[in-house]
Amino acid sequence: APQNVTITLYDMMGKLIFSEVRRHDQSGRQSITLNLNGYEAGVYFYRLTANGEQQTANGKLVVVR
């Protein structure tokens, strides 16, 4: 079934710096590509939420320049 996936990105202080909703029409494993060229080097936290709060993935990513 189609799912709306919300991608949110936070800085180290917990400030929301990016949010986007993407529609995925296929089930199973998916990949998401973000252009982080405008972001400074550092650690960021992300959240992926599918169909509201039914499924959520949290993690961190490191931008290295």
C-alpha atoms as a PDB file:
ATOM      1  CA  ALA A   1       0.000   0.000   0.000  1.00  0.00           C
ATOM      2  CA  PRO A   2       1.240   3.532  -0.658  1.00  0.00           C
ATOM      3  CA  GLN A   3       2.847   5.287   2.283  1.00  0.00           C
ATOM      4  CA  ASN A   4       3.668   8.887   3.019  1.00  0.00           C
ATOM      5  CA  VAL A   5       7.111   9.038   4.619  1.00  0.00           C
ATOM      6  CA  THR A   6       8.055  12.166   6.567  1.00  0.00           C
ATOM      7  CA  ILE A   7      11.772  12.916   6.761  1.00  0.00           C
ATOM      8  CA  THR A   8      12.887  15.339   9.470  1.00  0.00           C
ATOM      9  CA  LEU A   9      16.428  16.461  10.222  1.00  0.00           C
ATOM     10  CA  TYR A  10      17.556  18.136  13.473  1.00  0.00           C
ATOM     11  CA  ASP A  11      20.790  19.817  14.502  1.00  0.00           C
ATOM     12  CA  MET A  12      22.717  18.968  17.689  1.00  0.00           C
ATOM     13  CA  MET A  13      20.566  21.375  19.709  1.00  0.00           C
ATOM     14  CA  GLY A  14      17.362  19.630  18.607  1.00  0.00           C
ATOM     15  CA  LYS A  15      16.317  22.415  16.240  1.00  0.00           C
ATOM     16  CA  LEU A  16      14.307  21.228  13.240  1.00  0.00           C
ATOM     17  CA  ILE A  17      16.283  22.198  10.130  1.00  0.00           C
ATOM     18  CA  PHE A  18      14.602  20.135   7.402  1.00  0.00           C
ATOM     19  CA  SER A  19      11.284  18.402   6.870  1.00  0.00           C
ATOM     20  CA  GLU A  20       9.806  16.794   3.779  1.00  0.00           C
ATOM     21  CA  VAL A  21       7.019  14.332   2.990  1.00  0.00           C
ATOM     22  CA  ARG A  22       7.637  11.786   0.239  1.00  0.00           C
ATOM     23  CA  ARG A  23       5.197   9.270  -1.165  1.00  0.00           C
ATOM     24  CA  HIS A  24       6.372   5.686  -1.652  1.00  0.00           C
ATOM     25  CA  ASP A  25       4.128   3.439  -3.717  1.00  0.00           C
ATOM     26  CA  GLN A  26       6.063   0.208  -3.189  1.00  0.00           C
ATOM     27  CA  SER A  27       6.402  -1.800  -0.010  1.00  0.00           C
ATOM     28  CA  GLY A  28       9.681  -3.252   1.200  1.00  0.00           C
ATOM     29  CA  ARG A  29      13.127  -1.760   1.535  1.00  0.00           C
ATOM     30  CA  GLN A  30      13.478   1.805   0.268  1.00  0.00           C
ATOM     31  CA  SER A  31      16.296   4.329   0.077  1.00  0.00           C
ATOM     32  CA  ILE A  32      16.145   8.091   0.488  1.00  0.00           C
ATOM     33  CA  THR A  33      18.750  10.479  -0.869  1.00  0.00           C
ATOM     34  CA  LEU A  34      19.167  13.959   0.615  1.00  0.00           C
ATOM     35  CA  ASN A  35      21.305  16.759  -0.791  1.00  0.00           C
ATOM     36  CA  LEU A  36      23.306  18.026   2.207  1.00  0.00           C
ATOM     37  CA  ASN A  37      25.591  20.407   0.297  1.00  0.00           C
ATOM     38  CA  GLY A  38      24.218  23.416   2.170  1.00  0.00           C
ATOM     39  CA  TYR A  39      24.792  21.928   5.624  1.00  0.00           C
ATOM     40  CA  GLU A  40      27.867  22.453   7.777  1.00  0.00           C
ATOM     41  CA  ALA A  41      30.035  19.549   8.867  1.00  0.00           C
ATOM     42  CA  GLY A  42      28.735  17.978  12.045  1.00  0.00           C
ATOM     43  CA  VAL A  43      26.317  15.511  13.566  1.00  0.00           C
ATOM     44  CA  TYR A  44      22.623  15.629  12.722  1.00  0.00           C
ATOM     45  CA  PHE A  45      19.694  13.536  13.878  1.00  0.00           C
ATOM     46  CA  TYR A  46      16.979  12.239  11.586  1.00  0.00           C
ATOM     47  CA  ARG A  47      13.525  10.756  11.967  1.00  0.00           C
ATOM     48  CA  LEU A  48      11.611   8.801   9.334  1.00  0.00           C
ATOM     49  CA  THR A  49       7.920   8.376  10.014  1.00  0.00           C
ATOM     50  CA  ALA A  50       5.650   6.288   7.784  1.00  0.00           C
ATOM     51  CA  ASN A  51       1.891   6.843   7.770  1.00  0.00           C
ATOM     52  CA  GLY A  52       1.756   9.024  10.858  1.00  0.00           C
ATOM     53  CA  GLU A  53       3.269   7.271  13.872  1.00  0.00           C
ATOM     54  CA  GLN A  54       2.735   3.676  12.778  1.00  0.00           C
ATOM     55  CA  GLN A  55       6.412   3.080  12.036  1.00  0.00           C
ATOM     56  CA  THR A  56       9.295   5.337  13.041  1.00  0.00           C
ATOM     57  CA  ALA A  57      13.069   5.122  12.536  1.00  0.00           C
ATOM     58  CA  ASN A  58      15.487   7.428  14.350  1.00  0.00           C
ATOM     59  CA  GLY A  59      19.208   7.795  13.939  1.00  0.00           C
ATOM     60  CA  LYS A  60      22.095  10.130  13.446  1.00  0.00           C
ATOM     61  CA  LEU A  61      24.200  11.037  10.474  1.00  0.00           C
ATOM     62  CA  VAL A  62      27.552  12.777  10.172  1.00  0.00           C
ATOM     63  CA  VAL A  63      28.338  15.337   7.501  1.00  0.00           C
ATOM     64  CA  VAL A  64      32.086  15.490   6.778  1.00  0.00           C
ATOM     65  CA  ARG A  65      33.678  18.153   4.591  1.00  0.00           C
END
